[in-house]
């Protein structure tokens, strides 16, 4: 199978990064530089401090978290996937901030062996406690099948919902105020547009619309917390605080990988999000070949903007699939079998007509209003749409 073509006579690519008109809403200035680059220059860079100012802010934040955590088993919680960002955040929290985090992992059924190994190495190396929440596989499978049959691009929403909902629910239940995340500007300053499956949050209206139409099993235990619940009820009214320490320290991808390897025997991945076997398949096969979208464009553009990759290096990587054809064919078969489909049945879904979240009930308009408010208040610096 060949990749779905996205270029036309009007195709255009940014003169500085590698974002292009496969994002249908992208805009360019008179120099051919895209709005992601200009947003980085005008909004992110002036407000991103990893120097002495960042160190001072990090120390003050650590003091506050430690003080409020006295007498408790843990003073914060960290969602740990085994990938680079969350792993390095755990390292910073324990080693640089002196915190006592609980490491929290959600097993949604798609962990790679490498991710599991990395988690074990960090738990042992940092001497921290780990709690693993295992999602009911039959419910997980049913929800993922419903999303596949919906034909929308946002195929990682079920996993993301499981990861974040379970984390927030656990923190709220056990009254853990501080949630430390690996979110950062260094590797994520160029946010994936929603047309590429970057739906902005957990929208239970969308989930219910898709699952009621295509699902076959009741989701009795599946964790699902709506974006307005965790943004407004949990965070604004109940005081839960999401902390992003990687924005306050020098965080260079290759250096962080080398440090984790040296300290803990942690193993680096070929590319971002490869700790999940489904996400790897979805981003390297399903998305580019069915929809013509390459999330690597956003990932590489973030590294270009932060000086960690050249544009030529990114274009070279984009000129070929991240994984070879034989491996991708095996992964197609693996995903089909794990979801209790034949290869022909998954192929039939793959070849079905593409749709978007707009074909189902959702509250994207309300989420958009909230995102605009956050940007105006300076709480979100990345380009968000």
Protein backbone atom coordinates (compact mmCIF):
# COMPACT_ATOMS: atom_id res chain seq x y z
CA UNK A 1 0.00 0.00 0.00
CA UNK A 2 1.27 3.45 -0.81
CA UNK A 3 0.86 6.55 1.28
CA UNK A 4 -2.12 8.76 0.63
CA UNK A 5 -1.01 11.75 -1.47
CA UNK A 6 -1.45 15.14 0.16
CA UNK A 7 0.44 17.41 -2.22
CA UNK A 8 -1.30 19.44 -4.89
CA UNK A 9 -0.44 22.40 -7.09
CA UNK A 10 -1.02 24.62 -4.07
CA UNK A 11 1.12 22.53 -1.71
CA UNK A 12 3.46 24.63 0.38
CA UNK A 13 6.02 23.94 3.10
CA UNK A 14 7.41 26.33 5.68
CA UNK A 15 10.72 27.96 4.78
CA UNK A 16 12.08 27.34 8.28
CA UNK A 17 10.49 24.17 9.73
CA UNK A 18 8.78 21.27 7.94
CA UNK A 19 5.12 22.02 8.65
CA UNK A 20 3.14 22.16 5.43
CA UNK A 21 -0.32 22.50 3.97
CA UNK A 22 -1.30 18.99 5.03
CA UNK A 23 -2.43 21.15 7.95
CA UNK A 24 -5.28 22.79 6.00
CA UNK A 25 -5.47 25.76 8.37
CA UNK A 26 -1.79 26.68 8.28
CA UNK A 27 -0.82 30.26 7.42
CA UNK A 28 2.48 31.70 6.17
CA UNK A 29 3.95 35.19 6.37
CA UNK A 30 5.43 37.08 3.45
CA UNK A 31 8.77 35.29 3.96
CA UNK A 32 7.16 31.86 3.70
CA UNK A 33 7.53 31.17 7.43
CA UNK A 34 4.59 29.42 9.05
CA UNK A 35 2.56 30.53 12.04
CA UNK A 36 4.00 27.74 14.22
CA UNK A 37 7.46 29.28 13.83
CA UNK A 38 6.19 32.79 14.44
CA UNK A 39 4.20 31.66 17.47
CA UNK A 40 7.36 30.05 18.86
CA UNK A 41 9.32 33.26 18.32
CA UNK A 42 6.68 35.64 19.67
CA UNK A 43 4.85 33.65 22.35
CA UNK A 44 6.94 30.72 23.59
CA UNK A 45 10.55 31.89 23.49
CA UNK A 46 10.07 35.12 25.48
CA UNK A 47 8.23 33.21 28.22
CA UNK A 48 10.44 30.11 28.42
CA UNK A 49 13.26 30.26 30.95
CA UNK A 50 15.71 27.41 31.51
CA UNK A 51 18.50 29.64 32.82
CA UNK A 52 19.02 31.04 36.34
CA UNK A 53 15.45 32.34 36.36
CA UNK A 54 14.12 28.86 35.60
CA UNK A 55 16.34 27.33 38.29
CA UNK A 56 15.00 29.83 40.84
CA UNK A 57 11.41 29.06 39.85
CA UNK A 58 12.08 25.32 40.01
CA UNK A 59 13.58 25.57 43.49
CA UNK A 60 10.65 27.65 44.77
CA UNK A 61 8.20 25.21 43.26
CA UNK A 62 10.01 22.25 44.84
CA UNK A 63 9.97 23.96 48.25
CA UNK A 64 6.23 24.56 47.98
CA UNK A 65 5.43 20.98 46.94
CA UNK A 66 7.61 19.51 49.70
CA UNK A 67 6.06 21.78 52.33
CA UNK A 68 2.50 20.89 51.35
CA UNK A 69 3.41 17.20 51.20
CA UNK A 70 4.76 16.88 54.73
CA UNK A 71 3.20 14.00 56.60
CA UNK A 72 1.90 12.37 53.42
CA UNK A 73 3.16 9.21 51.74
CA UNK A 74 3.80 11.13 48.51
CA UNK A 75 3.96 14.82 47.73
CA UNK A 76 3.15 14.45 44.02
CA UNK A 77 2.28 11.95 41.31
CA UNK A 78 3.86 11.37 37.89
CA UNK A 79 2.26 9.57 34.98
CA UNK A 80 5.03 7.34 33.66
CA UNK A 81 4.90 5.74 30.20
CA UNK A 82 8.52 4.66 29.85
CA UNK A 83 9.01 7.24 27.11
CA UNK A 84 11.58 10.02 27.28
CA UNK A 85 9.53 12.98 28.50
CA UNK A 86 7.83 11.30 31.44
CA UNK A 87 10.99 9.39 32.36
CA UNK A 88 13.09 12.54 32.47
CA UNK A 89 10.39 14.36 34.41
CA UNK A 90 10.56 11.61 37.05
CA UNK A 91 14.34 11.98 37.16
CA UNK A 92 14.11 15.77 37.59
CA UNK A 93 11.41 15.49 40.26
CA UNK A 94 13.40 13.09 42.41
CA UNK A 95 17.01 14.08 41.74
CA UNK A 96 16.80 17.85 41.19
CA UNK A 97 13.66 18.86 43.08
CA UNK A 98 14.02 16.44 45.98
CA UNK A 99 10.40 15.33 45.77
CA UNK A 100 8.74 12.08 46.84
CA UNK A 101 6.62 11.23 43.80
CA UNK A 102 4.41 8.22 43.28
CA UNK A 103 5.05 6.84 39.81
CA UNK A 104 1.72 6.01 38.16
CA UNK A 105 1.50 3.84 35.06
CA UNK A 106 -1.58 2.97 33.04
CA UNK A 107 -1.45 -0.33 31.17
CA UNK A 108 -3.89 -0.06 28.29
CA UNK A 109 -2.70 -3.28 26.68
CA UNK A 110 -0.22 -1.86 24.17
CA UNK A 111 3.05 -1.45 26.07
CA UNK A 112 6.21 -2.34 24.20
CA UNK A 113 8.71 -4.52 26.06
CA UNK A 114 11.13 -1.62 25.87
CA UNK A 115 8.70 0.68 27.69
CA UNK A 116 8.12 -1.91 30.42
CA UNK A 117 11.87 -2.33 30.83
CA UNK A 118 12.41 1.42 31.06
CA UNK A 119 9.77 1.74 33.76
CA UNK A 120 11.35 -1.03 35.81
CA UNK A 121 14.79 0.55 35.49
CA UNK A 122 13.54 3.94 36.63
CA UNK A 123 11.64 2.48 39.58
CA UNK A 124 14.73 0.62 40.73
CA UNK A 125 17.21 3.37 39.93
CA UNK A 126 15.24 6.17 41.56
CA UNK A 127 14.01 4.06 44.46
CA UNK A 128 10.42 5.14 43.97
CA UNK A 129 7.08 3.39 44.38
CA UNK A 130 5.08 2.42 41.30
CA UNK A 131 1.32 1.98 41.01
CA UNK A 132 0.01 0.37 37.83
CA UNK A 133 -3.60 0.73 36.75
CA UNK A 134 -4.60 -2.01 34.31
CA UNK A 135 -7.45 -1.07 32.01
CA UNK A 136 -10.09 -3.72 31.39
CA UNK A 137 -8.93 -5.07 28.03
CA UNK A 138 -12.36 -6.04 26.74
CA UNK A 139 -13.60 -2.48 27.31
CA UNK A 140 -10.43 -0.97 25.89
CA UNK A 141 -10.69 -3.15 22.81
CA UNK A 142 -14.35 -2.33 22.29
CA UNK A 143 -13.72 1.40 22.51
CA UNK A 144 -10.77 1.24 20.12
CA UNK A 145 -12.78 -0.79 17.63
CA UNK A 146 -15.58 1.77 17.85
CA UNK A 147 -13.13 4.59 17.08
CA UNK A 148 -11.60 2.66 14.18
CA UNK A 149 -15.04 2.09 12.70
CA UNK A 150 -15.86 5.77 13.15
CA UNK A 151 -13.17 6.43 10.49
CA UNK A 152 -11.91 9.60 12.19
CA UNK A 153 -8.24 10.52 12.33
CA UNK A 154 -8.17 10.76 16.14
CA UNK A 155 -7.39 7.09 16.79
CA UNK A 156 -5.24 7.63 19.87
CA UNK A 157 -8.02 9.29 21.85
CA UNK A 158 -9.05 6.06 23.65
CA UNK A 159 -5.51 5.48 24.94
CA UNK A 160 -5.02 9.13 25.87
CA UNK A 161 -8.33 9.15 27.72
CA UNK A 162 -7.35 6.05 29.67
CA UNK A 163 -3.94 7.48 30.58
CA UNK A 164 -5.00 10.91 31.73
CA UNK A 165 -8.41 10.07 33.17
CA UNK A 166 -7.00 7.27 35.33
CA UNK A 167 -4.20 9.53 36.55
CA UNK A 168 -6.50 12.43 37.46
CA UNK A 169 -9.07 10.15 39.10
CA UNK A 170 -6.40 8.45 41.22
CA UNK A 171 -4.86 11.77 42.27
CA UNK A 172 -8.24 13.19 43.24
CA UNK A 173 -9.28 10.05 45.15
CA UNK A 174 -6.04 10.01 47.15
CA UNK A 175 -5.89 13.79 47.55
CA UNK A 176 -2.59 14.20 45.75
CA UNK A 177 -2.54 17.85 44.77
CA UNK A 178 0.45 18.04 42.44
CA UNK A 179 0.50 16.17 39.13
CA UNK A 180 3.89 16.32 37.44
CA UNK A 181 3.92 15.88 33.69
CA UNK A 182 6.59 15.56 31.03
CA UNK A 183 4.87 18.11 28.78
CA UNK A 184 7.44 20.60 27.52
CA UNK A 185 8.34 23.21 24.94
CA UNK A 186 11.67 21.63 23.96
CA UNK A 187 10.21 18.65 22.07
CA UNK A 188 6.56 19.75 21.82
CA UNK A 189 6.49 23.47 21.03
CA UNK A 190 4.88 22.73 17.67
CA UNK A 191 1.53 21.23 18.62
CA UNK A 192 -0.05 18.73 16.24
CA UNK A 193 -3.10 20.31 14.55
CA UNK A 194 -6.44 18.73 15.29
CA UNK A 195 -6.88 17.74 11.63
CA UNK A 196 -4.00 15.30 12.26
CA UNK A 197 -5.77 13.63 15.13
CA UNK A 198 -4.74 16.22 17.70
CA UNK A 199 -8.18 16.66 19.24
CA UNK A 200 -7.75 19.14 22.10
CA UNK A 201 -8.74 17.16 25.19
CA UNK A 202 -11.06 14.44 26.43
CA UNK A 203 -14.52 15.18 25.07
CA UNK A 204 -16.99 12.73 26.63
CA UNK A 205 -19.69 13.91 24.23
CA UNK A 206 -17.59 12.71 21.30
CA UNK A 207 -16.72 9.46 23.06
CA UNK A 208 -20.36 8.72 23.84
CA UNK A 209 -21.47 9.56 20.31
CA UNK A 210 -18.93 7.21 18.72
CA UNK A 211 -19.27 4.40 21.23
CA UNK A 212 -23.07 4.44 21.23
CA UNK A 213 -23.01 3.96 17.46
CA UNK A 214 -20.18 1.46 17.03
CA UNK A 215 -19.49 -0.05 20.45
CA UNK A 216 -20.89 -3.39 21.60
CA UNK A 217 -19.92 -3.53 25.27
CA UNK A 218 -20.81 -1.23 28.16
CA UNK A 219 -17.83 0.73 29.48
CA UNK A 220 -18.44 -0.04 33.15
CA UNK A 221 -14.91 0.50 34.46
CA UNK A 222 -13.17 2.45 31.71
CA UNK A 223 -11.82 5.75 33.16
CA UNK A 224 -13.24 8.73 31.33
CA UNK A 225 -13.01 12.25 32.75
CA UNK A 226 -14.22 15.12 30.58
CA UNK A 227 -11.86 18.01 29.86
CA UNK A 228 -14.11 20.47 31.69
CA UNK A 229 -14.16 18.24 34.76
CA UNK A 230 -10.38 18.01 35.09
CA UNK A 231 -9.74 21.59 33.92
CA UNK A 232 -12.43 23.32 35.98
CA UNK A 233 -13.62 21.02 38.79
CA UNK A 234 -10.35 19.26 39.59
CA UNK A 235 -7.89 22.07 38.90
CA UNK A 236 -9.70 25.37 39.42
CA UNK A 237 -12.17 24.41 42.14
CA UNK A 238 -10.45 21.55 43.94
CA UNK A 239 -6.89 22.85 43.68
CA UNK A 240 -5.19 20.10 41.65
CA UNK A 241 -2.06 21.59 40.08
CA UNK A 242 -0.35 20.33 36.93
CA UNK A 243 3.39 21.00 37.02
CA UNK A 244 5.74 21.03 34.00
CA UNK A 245 9.29 21.00 35.39
CA UNK A 246 10.92 20.28 32.03
CA UNK A 247 10.12 23.86 31.02
CA UNK A 248 12.33 25.12 33.86
CA UNK A 249 15.49 23.09 33.18
CA UNK A 250 17.77 22.72 30.16
CA UNK A 251 16.12 19.83 28.31
CA UNK A 252 17.85 18.65 25.17
CA UNK A 253 16.52 15.38 23.78
CA UNK A 254 19.80 13.64 22.99
CA UNK A 255 21.40 14.78 26.25
CA UNK A 256 18.42 13.61 28.30
CA UNK A 257 18.47 10.22 26.56
CA UNK A 258 22.20 9.87 27.24
CA UNK A 259 21.77 10.80 30.90
CA UNK A 260 18.97 8.28 31.45
CA UNK A 261 20.99 5.60 29.66
CA UNK A 262 24.07 6.29 31.77
CA UNK A 263 22.25 6.53 35.10
CA UNK A 264 19.64 3.80 34.79
CA UNK A 265 20.29 1.72 31.68
CA UNK A 266 17.18 3.28 30.13
CA UNK A 267 16.85 2.57 26.39
CA UNK A 268 16.01 5.26 23.85
CA UNK A 269 13.27 4.81 21.26
CA UNK A 270 13.56 5.26 17.53
CA UNK A 271 10.96 8.01 17.62
CA UNK A 272 8.53 9.85 19.87
CA UNK A 273 5.54 7.87 21.17
CA UNK A 274 7.06 4.50 20.31
CA UNK A 275 6.53 3.28 23.87
CA UNK A 276 3.01 2.27 22.80
CA UNK A 277 2.73 -0.37 20.12
CA UNK A 278 -0.63 0.95 18.96
CA UNK A 279 0.53 4.58 18.85
CA UNK A 280 3.61 3.56 16.89
CA UNK A 281 1.40 1.71 14.36
CA UNK A 282 -1.14 4.52 14.24
CA UNK A 283 1.40 7.30 13.69
CA UNK A 284 3.75 5.40 11.37
CA UNK A 285 1.21 3.47 9.30
CA UNK A 286 -2.47 4.29 9.79
CA UNK A 287 -2.29 8.07 9.84
CA UNK A 288 0.08 8.71 6.89
CA UNK A 289 -1.34 5.99 4.64
CA UNK A 290 -5.02 6.50 5.31
CA UNK A 291 -5.15 10.25 5.90
CA UNK A 292 -1.90 11.60 4.48
CA UNK A 293 -0.84 13.16 7.78
CA UNK A 294 2.64 12.80 9.25
CA UNK A 295 2.81 13.66 12.93
CA UNK A 296 6.58 13.50 12.54
CA UNK A 297 6.34 16.89 10.83
CA UNK A 298 5.24 18.47 14.10
CA UNK A 299 7.72 16.44 16.16
CA UNK A 300 10.64 17.36 13.89
CA UNK A 301 9.53 20.98 13.62
CA UNK A 302 9.68 21.28 17.41
CA UNK A 303 13.27 20.04 17.32
CA UNK A 304 14.14 22.41 14.46
CA UNK A 305 12.73 25.39 16.35
CA UNK A 306 14.66 24.50 19.49
CA UNK A 307 17.92 23.93 17.61
CA UNK A 308 18.08 20.15 18.07
CA UNK A 309 17.64 19.11 14.43
CA UNK A 310 18.36 20.73 11.10
CA UNK A 311 15.66 21.17 8.49
CA UNK A 312 17.65 19.02 6.04
CA UNK A 313 17.84 16.21 8.62
CA UNK A 314 14.09 16.40 9.10
CA UNK A 315 13.37 16.35 5.37
CA UNK A 316 15.64 13.34 4.97
CA UNK A 317 13.78 11.45 7.73
CA UNK A 318 10.43 12.41 6.22
CA UNK A 319 11.48 11.10 2.80
CA UNK A 320 11.05 7.53 4.04
CA UNK A 321 8.86 5.66 6.53
CA UNK A 322 10.17 5.50 10.09
CA UNK A 323 9.78 1.70 10.12
CA UNK A 324 10.48 -0.65 7.21
CA UNK A 325 7.73 -2.20 5.12
CA UNK A 326 8.13 -5.75 6.43
CA UNK A 327 7.88 -4.55 10.03
CA UNK A 328 4.79 -2.44 9.28
CA UNK A 329 3.08 -5.39 7.60
CA UNK A 330 3.74 -7.51 10.70
CA UNK A 331 2.38 -4.75 12.92
CA UNK A 332 -0.79 -4.53 10.80
CA UNK A 333 -1.34 -8.23 11.41
CA UNK A 334 -0.53 -7.91 15.12
CA UNK A 335 -3.00 -5.06 15.64
CA UNK A 336 -5.72 -6.92 13.77
CA UNK A 337 -5.22 -10.09 15.81
CA UNK A 338 -5.06 -8.25 19.13
CA UNK A 339 -8.35 -6.52 18.35
CA UNK A 340 -9.92 -9.85 17.37
CA UNK A 341 -10.19 -8.86 13.73
CA UNK A 342 -8.97 -10.69 10.67
CA UNK A 343 -6.40 -8.87 8.57
CA UNK A 344 -9.08 -8.53 5.88
CA UNK A 345 -11.49 -6.91 8.35
CA UNK A 346 -8.91 -4.36 9.50
CA UNK A 347 -8.03 -3.72 5.86
CA UNK A 348 -11.69 -3.07 5.11
CA UNK A 349 -11.83 -0.48 7.88
CA UNK A 350 -8.60 1.05 6.60
CA UNK A 351 -10.06 1.42 3.12
CA UNK A 352 -13.35 2.90 4.38
CA UNK A 353 -14.31 6.54 3.78
CA UNK A 354 -12.42 8.99 5.98
CA UNK A 355 -14.43 11.09 8.39
CA UNK A 356 -13.72 13.71 11.06
CA UNK A 357 -14.98 14.33 14.58
CA UNK A 358 -17.45 16.78 13.00
CA UNK A 359 -19.44 13.77 11.79
CA UNK A 360 -20.30 12.98 15.43
CA UNK A 361 -21.70 14.88 18.38
CA UNK A 362 -19.01 16.85 20.17
CA UNK A 363 -18.39 20.05 22.10
CA UNK A 364 -15.31 21.21 20.24
CA UNK A 365 -16.70 24.76 20.07
CA UNK A 366 -16.79 24.99 23.86
CA UNK A 367 -13.29 23.52 24.17
CA UNK A 368 -12.14 26.11 21.65
CA UNK A 369 -13.57 28.92 23.75
CA UNK A 370 -11.71 27.56 26.77
CA UNK A 371 -8.48 27.30 24.78
CA UNK A 372 -8.80 30.91 23.62
CA UNK A 373 -9.28 32.06 27.21
CA UNK A 374 -6.19 30.11 28.30
CA UNK A 375 -4.10 31.72 25.56
CA UNK A 376 -5.30 35.20 26.48
CA UNK A 377 -4.40 34.54 30.10
CA UNK A 378 -0.96 33.28 29.10
CA UNK A 379 -1.71 29.77 30.41
CA UNK A 380 -1.17 28.18 26.98
CA UNK A 381 1.61 29.42 24.70
CA UNK A 382 1.52 26.86 21.92
CA UNK A 383 -0.53 27.45 18.82
CA UNK A 384 -3.79 25.68 19.65
CA UNK A 385 -6.50 24.81 17.16
